[in-house]
């Protein structure tokens, strides 16, 4: 079935091949028709940067598509303990826009094949999660994951004022480790998002919402010696243990809903847009026969705000963006047991709840960013110069109750970055090198941790030291692109290599460093 979907998506994108090397928005602002069009679209067409799929109807640039493939590799000591030391991924993505009368369409299909090394205490392949109830082992071995992802949006223009739309995202992945105790993961998620916009002239408002579901079914097996143990983590390094397993299953199943409100105001040369959203997500960790036992329930509430102010001066944009979010996570720690009951000629399984402690694990993650960008176009509407800077602030707190018996830690960090990119021309060849430098400093932190019999304090202190480390980073990239203005199918070819290096010298976890490289090549059509 997946192969049939892949073929179908490829055929759809071939049909969506557009013409023209530049396109213009409804407000006559022109942008390049090459690969940079997808990067700068949220600046030129700000509604496309929101979560509202009805933003598709705000575009008026015909058909444009992109296909690319690449490789990403990283080796990072500046990581949390349950994240991999080394990661690598081969990937391919194709996406495009199409307009058919009153209907606007967007589609995207992606494939990735990833590998991870140095993973301890985490067999879920969930490496960036707020869920404290992860299952893992202490055997470091290579894990692999193959994943497909699809996204589609359809927007319909009802009249001059109203646009209606719906979007859907689907992910399917399979992962495994090839060393005892070996885990296999079957991962999927589905998200559906309807939306509406209403045009009042200079002012536009929008409303969107979504419902989504996630699933990660994990099975552990031992093919060699049977003396293997698993850790069932409860947050902040505390755990229960499954000893001498031959097999074990865990299922992470989640459901969520979200809502967002958008508004924009347009003047002669000034444009403002803002979005406020709320997201609620509940995930259960289930185990036992038919996954009847609940090991933990995590609820995440996320309130976020984003906004942009764009001032246009001739061929230049002055862009000020602001982002902020507050995530509050609460975890219920649950201990259940399954046992058999004999009733004469028949037996049946019964379930007993030993303990159910609400809000046992609490996490608060507060962050914000203020960013300025100056973007200058040349006469061909290519981005000739782009530079700016950003300030980030973040507060993170995790607590395991009761605090007197268990513990907590919190960190408060401030970061800043500067970046610049410049277009160089050599005949038809467009070369855009870019540089970025950043620094994060810790303004305050605190920790209190009580070692229990079933706890791994090294995990907690490692994550605490990473969370409060002063980090310096630098990245470099170059975009090499050749446009073909006379070609009716291929509009441009591009190659983008980039690299990033970060260091945390003198941190309490040691002198740490890490790097990431990424190379992508593709075409627009």
Foldseek 3Di string as FASTA:
>chain_A
DVVVVVVVVVVVVQVLFWAFQWFAFPVRQIAGQWPCCVVCVCVRQVVVVDPALQSQQRGDGAKKKWKKKKKKKKAFPLAAQQAFRIKIKTKIKMKMWHDDPQKIKIKMKMKMKMKGWRGFQAPQPCRDDPDQFGKGHGDTFMKMKIKMKMKMKMWGDPDPFKIKMKMKIKMWMWMWTDAPQIKIKTKMKMKMKIKMKTDPDQKIKMKMKMKMKIKIKMKTADDPAQQGKMWGGDPLFFTDIDGSDRMWIKMKIKIKMKMKMKMWGDDPFKIKIKMKMKMKMKIWIFTDDVRPDTQKIKIKIKIKMKMKMWGDDPQKIKIKIKIKMKIKMFMKGWDKDKDWDDDDPDIDIDIDTPDIGTRQKIKIKIKMKIWIKMWGADPVNYGAKIWTKMKMKMKIKMAGPPCVAFKIKIWIKIKMKIKMWGWDDDPQKIKIKMKMKMKMATPDMDIDGDDDPRGDNVSNVSNRLSVHFIKIKMKMKMKIKGADNPDGGWGMKIKMKMKMKMWRDPTPVHTIIMMMIMIMIITMD
